[in-house]
PDB file of all heavy atoms in Angstrom:
ATOM      1  N   GLY A   1     -69.379 -11.563 -97.047  1.00  0.00           N
ATOM      2  CA  GLY A   1     -69.575 -10.093 -97.095  1.00  0.00           C
ATOM      3  C   GLY A   1     -68.496  -9.295 -96.300  1.00  0.00           C
ATOM      4  O   GLY A   1     -67.829  -8.311 -96.970  1.00  0.00           O
ATOM      5  N   TRP A   2     -68.270  -9.682 -95.163  1.00  0.00           N
ATOM      6  CA  TRP A   2     -67.217  -8.999 -94.268  1.00  0.00           C
ATOM      7  C   TRP A   2     -65.887  -9.215 -94.928  1.00  0.00           C
ATOM      8  O   TRP A   2     -65.078  -8.304 -94.990  1.00  0.00           O
ATOM      9  CB  TRP A   2     -67.232  -9.630 -92.887  1.00  0.00           C
ATOM     10  CG  TRP A   2     -66.318  -8.853 -91.971  1.00  0.00           C
ATOM     11  CD1 TRP A   2     -66.676  -7.890 -91.130  1.00  0.00           C
ATOM     12  CD2 TRP A   2     -64.872  -9.062 -91.767  1.00  0.00           C
ATOM     13  NE1 TRP A   2     -65.660  -7.387 -90.434  1.00  0.00           N
ATOM     14  CE2 TRP A   2     -64.475  -8.130 -90.853  1.00  0.00           C
ATOM     15  CE3 TRP A   2     -63.871  -9.888 -92.395  1.00  0.00           C
ATOM     16  CZ2 TRP A   2     -63.115  -8.025 -90.479  1.00  0.00           C
ATOM     17  CZ3 TRP A   2     -62.676  -9.784 -91.865  1.00  0.00           C
ATOM     18  CH2 TRP A   2     -62.240  -8.800 -90.999  1.00  0.00           C
ATOM     19  N   LEU A   3     -65.532 -10.371 -95.416  1.00  0.00           N
ATOM     20  CA  LEU A   3     -64.321 -10.657 -96.082  1.00  0.00           C
ATOM     21  C   LEU A   3     -64.030  -9.798 -97.422  1.00  0.00           C
ATOM     22  O   LEU A   3     -62.976  -9.173 -97.496  1.00  0.00           O
ATOM     23  CB  LEU A   3     -64.041 -12.076 -96.419  1.00  0.00           C
ATOM     24  CG  LEU A   3     -63.953 -13.022 -95.270  1.00  0.00           C
ATOM     25  CD1 LEU A   3     -64.042 -14.605 -95.766  1.00  0.00           C
ATOM     26  CD2 LEU A   3     -62.524 -12.869 -94.610  1.00  0.00           C
ATOM     27  N   GLU A   4     -65.142  -9.619 -98.196  1.00  0.00           N
ATOM     28  CA  GLU A   4     -65.016  -8.871 -99.389  1.00  0.00           C
ATOM     29  C   GLU A   4     -64.862  -7.399 -99.098  1.00  0.00           C
ATOM     30  O   GLU A   4     -64.206  -6.633 -99.812  1.00  0.00           O
ATOM     31  CB  GLU A   4     -66.213  -9.133-100.288  1.00  0.00           C
ATOM     32  CG  GLU A   4     -66.379 -10.529-100.914  1.00  0.00           C
ATOM     33  CD  GLU A   4     -67.527 -10.818-101.548  1.00  0.00           C
ATOM     34  OE1 GLU A   4     -68.483  -9.935-101.450  1.00  0.00           O
ATOM     35  OE2 GLU A   4     -67.783 -11.851-102.269  1.00  0.00           O
ATOM     36  N   LYS A   5     -65.451  -6.930 -98.043  1.00  0.00           N
ATOM     37  CA  LYS A   5     -65.318  -5.464 -97.703  1.00  0.00           C
ATOM     38  C   LYS A   5     -63.961  -5.244 -96.943  1.00  0.00           C
ATOM     39  O   LYS A   5     -63.387  -4.137 -97.259  1.00  0.00           O
ATOM     40  CB  LYS A   5     -66.504  -5.158 -96.736  1.00  0.00           C
ATOM     41  CG  LYS A   5     -66.502  -3.717 -96.294  1.00  0.00           C
ATOM     42  CD  LYS A   5     -67.576  -3.422 -95.310  1.00  0.00           C
ATOM     43  CE  LYS A   5     -67.581  -1.980 -94.809  1.00  0.00           C
ATOM     44  NZ  LYS A   5     -68.703  -1.660 -93.915  1.00  0.00           N
ATOM     45  N   ASN A   6     -63.535  -6.080 -96.031  1.00  0.00           N
ATOM     46  CA  ASN A   6     -62.403  -5.790 -95.262  1.00  0.00           C
ATOM     47  C   ASN A   6     -61.023  -6.416 -95.683  1.00  0.00           C
ATOM     48  O   ASN A   6     -60.025  -5.893 -95.340  1.00  0.00           O
ATOM     49  CB  ASN A   6     -62.687  -6.137 -93.813  1.00  0.00           C
ATOM     50  CG  ASN A   6     -63.785  -5.284 -93.161  1.00  0.00           C
ATOM     51  OD1 ASN A   6     -63.688  -4.229 -92.645  1.00  0.00           O
ATOM     52  ND2 ASN A   6     -65.105  -5.944 -93.183  1.00  0.00           N
ATOM     53  N   LEU A   7     -61.160  -7.513 -96.360  1.00  0.00           N
ATOM     54  CA  LEU A   7     -59.890  -8.178 -96.806  1.00  0.00           C
ATOM     55  C   LEU A   7     -60.059  -8.668 -98.241  1.00  0.00           C
ATOM     56  O   LEU A   7     -59.995  -9.796 -98.607  1.00  0.00           O
ATOM     57  CB  LEU A   7     -59.571  -9.471 -95.892  1.00  0.00           C
ATOM     58  CG  LEU A   7     -59.354  -9.123 -94.469  1.00  0.00           C
ATOM     59  CD1 LEU A   7     -59.248 -10.421 -93.604  1.00  0.00           C
ATOM     60  CD2 LEU A   7     -58.063  -8.284 -94.280  1.00  0.00           C
ATOM     61  N   PRO A   8     -60.380  -7.730 -99.119  1.00  0.00           N
ATOM     62  CA  PRO A   8     -60.726  -8.010-100.589  1.00  0.00           C
ATOM     63  C   PRO A   8     -59.599  -8.807-101.312  1.00  0.00           C
ATOM     64  O   PRO A   8     -59.976  -9.571-102.196  1.00  0.00           O
ATOM     65  CB  PRO A   8     -61.138  -6.724-101.147  1.00  0.00           C
ATOM     66  CG  PRO A   8     -60.340  -5.726-100.353  1.00  0.00           C
ATOM     67  CD  PRO A   8     -60.370  -6.233 -98.967  1.00  0.00           C
ATOM     68  N   ARG A   9     -58.415  -8.619-101.002  1.00  0.00           N
ATOM     69  CA  ARG A   9     -57.297  -9.171-101.835  1.00  0.00           C
ATOM     70  C   ARG A   9     -56.550 -10.262-101.025  1.00  0.00           C
ATOM     71  O   ARG A   9     -55.460 -10.664-101.511  1.00  0.00           O
ATOM     72  CB  ARG A   9     -56.344  -8.155-102.219  1.00  0.00           C
ATOM     73  CG  ARG A   9     -56.941  -7.206-103.372  1.00  0.00           C
ATOM     74  CD  ARG A   9     -55.919  -6.123-103.834  1.00  0.00           C
ATOM     75  NE  ARG A   9     -55.969  -4.985-102.795  1.00  0.00           N
ATOM     76  CZ  ARG A   9     -56.934  -4.071-102.731  1.00  0.00           C
ATOM     77  NH1 ARG A   9     -57.985  -4.086-103.556  1.00  0.00           N
ATOM     78  NH2 ARG A   9     -56.854  -3.115-101.888  1.00  0.00           N
ATOM     79  N   VAL A  10     -57.103 -10.649 -99.878  1.00  0.00           N
ATOM     80  CA  VAL A  10     -56.463 -11.665 -99.121  1.00  0.00           C
ATOM     81  C   VAL A  10     -56.830 -13.071 -99.568  1.00  0.00           C
ATOM     82  O   VAL A  10     -57.982 -13.265 -99.910  1.00  0.00           O
ATOM     83  CB  VAL A  10     -56.814 -11.472 -97.573  1.00  0.00           C
ATOM     84  CG1 VAL A  10     -56.373 -12.702 -96.773  1.00  0.00           C
ATOM     85  CG2 VAL A  10     -56.141 -10.260 -97.081  1.00  0.00           C
ATOM     86  N   GLU A  11     -55.920 -14.014 -99.605  1.00  0.00           N
ATOM     87  CA  GLU A  11     -56.147 -15.396-100.141  1.00  0.00           C
ATOM     88  C   GLU A  11     -57.028 -16.105 -99.076  1.00  0.00           C
ATOM     89  O   GLU A  11     -56.763 -15.986 -97.873  1.00  0.00           O
ATOM     90  CB  GLU A  11     -54.882 -16.116-100.205  1.00  0.00           C
ATOM     91  CG  GLU A  11     -55.009 -17.544-100.735  1.00  0.00           C
ATOM     92  CD  GLU A  11     -53.595 -18.366-100.919  1.00  0.00           C
ATOM     93  OE1 GLU A  11     -52.724 -17.734-100.406  1.00  0.00           O
ATOM     94  OE2 GLU A  11     -53.727 -19.503-101.224  1.00  0.00           O
ATOM     95  N   ILE A  12     -57.986 -16.787 -99.464  1.00  0.00           N
ATOM     96  CA  ILE A  12     -58.853 -17.577 -98.626  1.00  0.00           C
ATOM     97  C   ILE A  12     -58.579 -19.009 -98.817  1.00  0.00           C
ATOM     98  O   ILE A  12     -58.655 -19.564 -99.993  1.00  0.00           O
ATOM     99  CB  ILE A  12     -60.479 -17.338 -98.927  1.00  0.00           C
ATOM    100  CG1 ILE A  12     -60.727 -15.820 -98.838  1.00  0.00           C
ATOM    101  CG2 ILE A  12     -61.236 -18.115 -97.972  1.00  0.00           C
ATOM    102  CD1 ILE A  12     -60.559 -15.217 -97.576  1.00  0.00           C
ATOM    103  N   VAL A  13     -58.099 -19.706 -97.707  1.00  0.00           N
ATOM    104  CA  VAL A  13     -57.724 -21.176 -97.912  1.00  0.00           C
ATOM    105  C   VAL A  13     -58.704 -21.995 -97.077  1.00  0.00           C
ATOM    106  O   VAL A  13     -58.867 -21.821 -95.807  1.00  0.00           O
ATOM    107  CB  VAL A  13     -56.390 -21.236 -97.261  1.00  0.00           C
ATOM    108  CG1 VAL A  13     -55.893 -22.839 -97.412  1.00  0.00           C
ATOM    109  CG2 VAL A  13     -55.274 -20.440 -97.993  1.00  0.00           C
ATOM    110  N   GLU A  14     -59.438 -22.817 -97.714  1.00  0.00           N
ATOM    111  CA  GLU A  14     -60.362 -23.731 -97.056  1.00  0.00           C
ATOM    112  C   GLU A  14     -59.796 -24.914 -96.499  1.00  0.00           C
ATOM    113  O   GLU A  14     -59.035 -25.638 -97.146  1.00  0.00           O
ATOM    114  CB  GLU A  14     -61.588 -24.063 -98.010  1.00  0.00           C
ATOM    115  CG  GLU A  14     -62.374 -22.871 -98.553  1.00  0.00           C
ATOM    116  CD  GLU A  14     -63.494 -23.202 -99.480  1.00  0.00           C
ATOM    117  OE1 GLU A  14     -63.551 -24.296 -99.840  1.00  0.00           O
ATOM    118  OE2 GLU A  14     -64.324 -22.263 -99.697  1.00  0.00           O
ATOM    119  N   VAL A  15     -60.099 -25.116 -95.235  1.00  0.00           N
ATOM    120  CA  VAL A  15     -59.537 -26.396 -94.566  1.00  0.00           C
ATOM    121  C   VAL A  15     -60.709 -27.259 -93.977  1.00  0.00           C
ATOM    122  O   VAL A  15     -61.882 -26.923 -94.036  1.00  0.00           O
ATOM    123  CB  VAL A  15     -58.575 -25.927 -93.514  1.00  0.00           C
ATOM    124  CG1 VAL A  15     -57.355 -25.267 -94.120  1.00  0.00           C
ATOM    125  CG2 VAL A  15     -59.218 -25.034 -92.457  1.00  0.00           C
ATOM    126  N   SER A  16     -60.334 -28.312 -93.279  1.00  0.00           N
ATOM    127  CA  SER A  16     -61.387 -29.267 -92.830  1.00  0.00           C
ATOM    128  C   SER A  16     -62.291 -28.831 -91.714  1.00  0.00           C
ATOM    129  O   SER A  16     -63.325 -29.310 -91.508  1.00  0.00           O
ATOM    130  CB  SER A  16     -60.712 -30.626 -92.479  1.00  0.00           C
ATOM    131  OG  SER A  16     -59.711 -30.441 -91.409  1.00  0.00           O
ATOM    132  N   SER A  17     -61.761 -27.831 -90.833  1.00  0.00           N
ATOM    133  CA  SER A  17     -62.561 -27.422 -89.788  1.00  0.00           C
ATOM    134  C   SER A  17     -62.117 -26.075 -89.298  1.00  0.00           C
ATOM    135  O   SER A  17     -60.895 -25.644 -89.669  1.00  0.00           O
ATOM    136  CB  SER A  17     -62.516 -28.350 -88.529  1.00  0.00           C
ATOM    137  OG  SER A  17     -61.234 -28.282 -87.916  1.00  0.00           O
ATOM    138  N   THR A  18     -62.933 -25.327 -88.487  1.00  0.00           N
ATOM    139  CA  THR A  18     -62.481 -24.038 -88.060  1.00  0.00           C
ATOM    140  C   THR A  18     -61.355 -24.156 -86.926  1.00  0.00           C
ATOM    141  O   THR A  18     -60.497 -23.378 -86.909  1.00  0.00           O
ATOM    142  CB  THR A  18     -63.692 -23.290 -87.369  1.00  0.00           C
ATOM    143  OG1 THR A  18     -64.340 -24.147 -86.350  1.00  0.00           O
ATOM    144  CG2 THR A  18     -64.726 -22.908 -88.368  1.00  0.00           C
ATOM    145  N   ALA A  19     -61.438 -25.330 -86.220  1.00  0.00           N
ATOM    146  CA  ALA A  19     -60.357 -25.549 -85.317  1.00  0.00           C
ATOM    147  C   ALA A  19     -59.054 -25.813 -85.945  1.00  0.00           C
ATOM    148  O   ALA A  19     -57.912 -25.287 -85.531  1.00  0.00           O
ATOM    149  CB  ALA A  19     -60.677 -26.602 -84.340  1.00  0.00           C
ATOM    150  N   LYS A  20     -59.054 -26.550 -87.004  1.00  0.00           N
ATOM    151  CA  LYS A  20     -57.820 -26.709 -87.888  1.00  0.00           C
ATOM    152  C   LYS A  20     -57.286 -25.349 -88.428  1.00  0.00           C
ATOM    153  O   LYS A  20     -56.047 -25.141 -88.444  1.00  0.00           O
ATOM    154  CB  LYS A  20     -58.161 -27.744 -89.042  1.00  0.00           C
ATOM    155  CG  LYS A  20     -56.856 -27.904 -89.888  1.00  0.00           C
ATOM    156  CD  LYS A  20     -55.776 -28.810 -89.150  1.00  0.00           C
ATOM    157  CE  LYS A  20     -54.661 -29.228 -89.983  1.00  0.00           C
ATOM    158  NZ  LYS A  20     -53.576 -29.862 -89.332  1.00  0.00           N
ATOM    159  N   ALA A  21     -58.165 -24.525 -88.835  1.00  0.00           N
ATOM    160  CA  ALA A  21     -57.789 -23.166 -89.288  1.00  0.00           C
ATOM    161  C   ALA A  21     -57.103 -22.431 -88.217  1.00  0.00           C
ATOM    162  O   ALA A  21     -56.041 -21.829 -88.499  1.00  0.00           O
ATOM    163  CB  ALA A  21     -59.074 -22.431 -89.764  1.00  0.00           C
ATOM    164  N   ALA A  22     -57.686 -22.420 -87.013  1.00  0.00           N
ATOM    165  CA  ALA A  22     -56.974 -21.723 -85.929  1.00  0.00           C
ATOM    166  C   ALA A  22     -55.643 -22.400 -85.625  1.00  0.00           C
ATOM    167  O   ALA A  22     -54.586 -21.558 -85.355  1.00  0.00           O
ATOM    168  CB  ALA A  22     -57.873 -21.824 -84.712  1.00  0.00           C
ATOM    169  N   GLU A  23     -55.449 -23.617 -85.649  1.00  0.00           N
ATOM    170  CA  GLU A  23     -54.118 -24.273 -85.479  1.00  0.00           C
ATOM    171  C   GLU A  23     -53.191 -23.839 -86.500  1.00  0.00           C
ATOM    172  O   GLU A  23     -51.971 -23.592 -86.173  1.00  0.00           O
ATOM    173  CB  GLU A  23     -54.340 -25.824 -85.492  1.00  0.00           C
ATOM    174  CG  GLU A  23     -53.085 -26.590 -85.254  1.00  0.00           C
ATOM    175  CD  GLU A  23     -53.153 -28.060 -85.485  1.00  0.00           C
ATOM    176  OE1 GLU A  23     -54.272 -28.461 -86.020  1.00  0.00           O
ATOM    177  OE2 GLU A  23     -52.231 -28.777 -85.151  1.00  0.00           O
ATOM    178  N   MET A  24     -53.533 -23.784 -87.784  1.00  0.00           N
ATOM    179  CA  MET A  24     -52.706 -23.265 -88.837  1.00  0.00           C
ATOM    180  C   MET A  24     -52.293 -21.949 -88.730  1.00  0.00           C
ATOM    181  O   MET A  24     -51.157 -21.436 -88.911  1.00  0.00           O
ATOM    182  CB  MET A  24     -53.275 -23.593 -90.190  1.00  0.00           C
ATOM    183  CG  MET A  24     -53.490 -25.093 -90.469  1.00  0.00           C
ATOM    184  SD  MET A  24     -54.493 -25.404 -91.994  1.00  0.00           S
ATOM    185  CE  MET A  24     -53.209 -25.024 -93.181  1.00  0.00           C
ATOM    186  N   ALA A  25     -53.201 -21.023 -88.265  1.00  0.00           N
ATOM    187  CA  ALA A  25     -52.951 -19.589 -88.130  1.00  0.00           C
ATOM    188  C   ALA A  25     -51.957 -19.327 -86.947  1.00  0.00           C
ATOM    189  O   ALA A  25     -51.227 -18.411 -87.069  1.00  0.00           O
ATOM    190  CB  ALA A  25     -54.269 -18.890 -87.922  1.00  0.00           C
ATOM    191  N   ALA A  26     -52.093 -20.262 -86.001  1.00  0.00           N
ATOM    192  CA  ALA A  26     -51.125 -20.090 -84.864  1.00  0.00           C
ATOM    193  C   ALA A  26     -49.695 -20.245 -85.216  1.00  0.00           C
ATOM    194  O   ALA A  26     -48.773 -19.825 -84.531  1.00  0.00           O
ATOM    195  CB  ALA A  26     -51.502 -21.039 -83.776  1.00  0.00           C
ATOM    196  N   LYS A  27     -49.447 -21.050 -86.384  1.00  0.00           N
ATOM    197  CA  LYS A  27     -48.200 -21.288 -86.847  1.00  0.00           C
ATOM    198  C   LYS A  27     -47.663 -20.364 -87.876  1.00  0.00           C
ATOM    199  O   LYS A  27     -46.493 -20.488 -88.367  1.00  0.00           O
ATOM    200  CB  LYS A  27     -48.064 -22.732 -87.378  1.00  0.00           C
ATOM    201  CG  LYS A  27     -48.453 -23.835 -86.300  1.00  0.00           C
ATOM    202  CD  LYS A  27     -48.500 -25.144 -86.947  1.00  0.00           C
ATOM    203  CE  LYS A  27     -48.837 -26.231 -85.909  1.00  0.00           C
ATOM    204  NZ  LYS A  27     -49.019 -27.625 -86.604  1.00  0.00           N
ATOM    205  N   ASP A  28     -48.515 -19.471 -88.388  1.00  0.00           N
ATOM    206  CA  ASP A  28     -48.146 -18.596 -89.453  1.00  0.00           C
ATOM    207  C   ASP A  28     -48.504 -17.068 -89.063  1.00  0.00           C
ATOM    208  O   ASP A  28     -49.649 -16.728 -88.894  1.00  0.00           O
ATOM    209  CB  ASP A  28     -49.117 -18.865 -90.663  1.00  0.00           C
ATOM    210  CG  ASP A  28     -48.637 -18.107 -92.022  1.00  0.00           C
ATOM    211  OD1 ASP A  28     -48.038 -17.150 -91.865  1.00  0.00           O
ATOM    212  OD2 ASP A  28     -49.146 -18.569 -92.994  1.00  0.00           O
ATOM    213  N   PRO A  29     -47.470 -16.266 -88.837  1.00  0.00           N
ATOM    214  CA  PRO A  29     -47.698 -14.856 -88.426  1.00  0.00           C
ATOM    215  C   PRO A  29     -48.312 -13.927 -89.382  1.00  0.00           C
ATOM    216  O   PRO A  29     -48.936 -12.924 -89.040  1.00  0.00           O
ATOM    217  CB  PRO A  29     -46.228 -14.382 -88.118  1.00  0.00           C
ATOM    218  CG  PRO A  29     -45.358 -15.279 -88.937  1.00  0.00           C
ATOM    219  CD  PRO A  29     -45.965 -16.662 -88.988  1.00  0.00           C
ATOM    220  N   ASP A  30     -48.439 -14.420 -90.616  1.00  0.00           N
ATOM    221  CA  ASP A  30     -49.022 -13.600 -91.707  1.00  0.00           C
ATOM    222  C   ASP A  30     -50.434 -14.094 -92.056  1.00  0.00           C
ATOM    223  O   ASP A  30     -51.053 -13.661 -93.017  1.00  0.00           O
ATOM    224  CB  ASP A  30     -48.227 -13.595 -92.963  1.00  0.00           C
ATOM    225  CG  ASP A  30     -46.925 -12.807 -92.696  1.00  0.00           C
ATOM    226  OD1 ASP A  30     -46.893 -11.816 -91.988  1.00  0.00           O
ATOM    227  OD2 ASP A  30     -45.963 -13.203 -93.376  1.00  0.00           O
ATOM    228  N   ALA A  31     -50.971 -15.027 -91.246  1.00  0.00           N
ATOM    229  CA  ALA A  31     -52.260 -15.691 -91.488  1.00  0.00           C
ATOM    230  C   ALA A  31     -53.269 -15.439 -90.381  1.00  0.00           C
ATOM    231  O   ALA A  31     -52.840 -15.057 -89.245  1.00  0.00           O
ATOM    232  CB  ALA A  31     -52.143 -17.117 -91.714  1.00  0.00           C
ATOM    233  N   ALA A  32     -54.631 -15.562 -90.680  1.00  0.00           N
ATOM    234  CA  ALA A  32     -55.611 -15.468 -89.811  1.00  0.00           C
ATOM    235  C   ALA A  32     -56.528 -16.622 -89.975  1.00  0.00           C
ATOM    236  O   ALA A  32     -56.383 -17.287 -90.882  1.00  0.00           O
ATOM    237  CB  ALA A  32     -56.432 -14.110 -89.871  1.00  0.00           C
ATOM    238  N   ALA A  33     -57.526 -16.842 -89.001  1.00  0.00           N
ATOM    239  CA  ALA A  33     -58.461 -17.902 -89.111  1.00  0.00           C
ATOM    240  C   ALA A  33     -59.806 -17.369 -88.794  1.00  0.00           C
ATOM    241  O   ALA A  33     -59.990 -16.464 -87.953  1.00  0.00           O
ATOM    242  CB  ALA A  33     -58.073 -19.056 -88.208  1.00  0.00           C
ATOM    243  N   ILE A  34     -60.823 -17.947 -89.376  1.00  0.00           N
ATOM    244  CA  ILE A  34     -62.291 -17.660 -88.979  1.00  0.00           C
ATOM    245  C   ILE A  34     -62.582 -18.837 -88.048  1.00  0.00           C
ATOM    246  O   ILE A  34     -62.670 -20.031 -88.566  1.00  0.00           O
ATOM    247  CB  ILE A  34     -63.138 -17.534 -90.173  1.00  0.00           C
ATOM    248  CG1 ILE A  34     -62.686 -16.310 -90.987  1.00  0.00           C
ATOM    249  CG2 ILE A  34     -64.548 -17.414 -89.675  1.00  0.00           C
ATOM    250  CD1 ILE A  34     -63.538 -16.267 -92.333  1.00  0.00           C
ATOM    251  N   ALA A  35     -62.865 -18.683 -86.835  1.00  0.00           N
ATOM    252  CA  ALA A  35     -63.104 -19.710 -85.881  1.00  0.00           C
ATOM    253  C   ALA A  35     -63.825 -19.204 -84.637  1.00  0.00           C
ATOM    254  O   ALA A  35     -64.206 -18.003 -84.572  1.00  0.00           O
ATOM    255  CB  ALA A  35     -61.888 -20.485 -85.526  1.00  0.00           C
ATOM    256  N   SER A  36     -64.023 -20.186 -83.692  1.00  0.00           N
ATOM    257  CA  SER A  36     -64.658 -19.717 -82.506  1.00  0.00           C
ATOM    258  C   SER A  36     -63.742 -19.132 -81.382  1.00  0.00           C
ATOM    259  O   SER A  36     -62.546 -19.216 -81.436  1.00  0.00           O
ATOM    260  CB  SER A  36     -65.421 -21.022 -81.886  1.00  0.00           C
ATOM    261  OG  SER A  36     -64.245 -21.960 -81.411  1.00  0.00           O
ATOM    262  N   GLU A  37     -64.417 -18.621 -80.395  1.00  0.00           N
ATOM    263  CA  GLU A  37     -63.744 -18.028 -79.275  1.00  0.00           C
ATOM    264  C   GLU A  37     -62.923 -19.155 -78.574  1.00  0.00           C
ATOM    265  O   GLU A  37     -61.832 -19.003 -78.039  1.00  0.00           O
ATOM    266  CB  GLU A  37     -64.606 -17.406 -78.228  1.00  0.00           C
ATOM    267  CG  GLU A  37     -63.969 -16.678 -77.144  1.00  0.00           C
ATOM    268  CD  GLU A  37     -64.981 -15.929 -76.260  1.00  0.00           C
ATOM    269  OE1 GLU A  37     -66.194 -15.879 -76.479  1.00  0.00           O
ATOM    270  OE2 GLU A  37     -64.538 -15.441 -75.153  1.00  0.00           O
TER     271      GLU A  37
END
């Protein structure tokens, strides 16, 4: 729901874990990750 409201046209890329998502976002200045603190 939050993604559809706030980032409706952003590409969602599913990966193996939230931590892997954070690692990938750290290498890509135009990307974000959904993960833990």
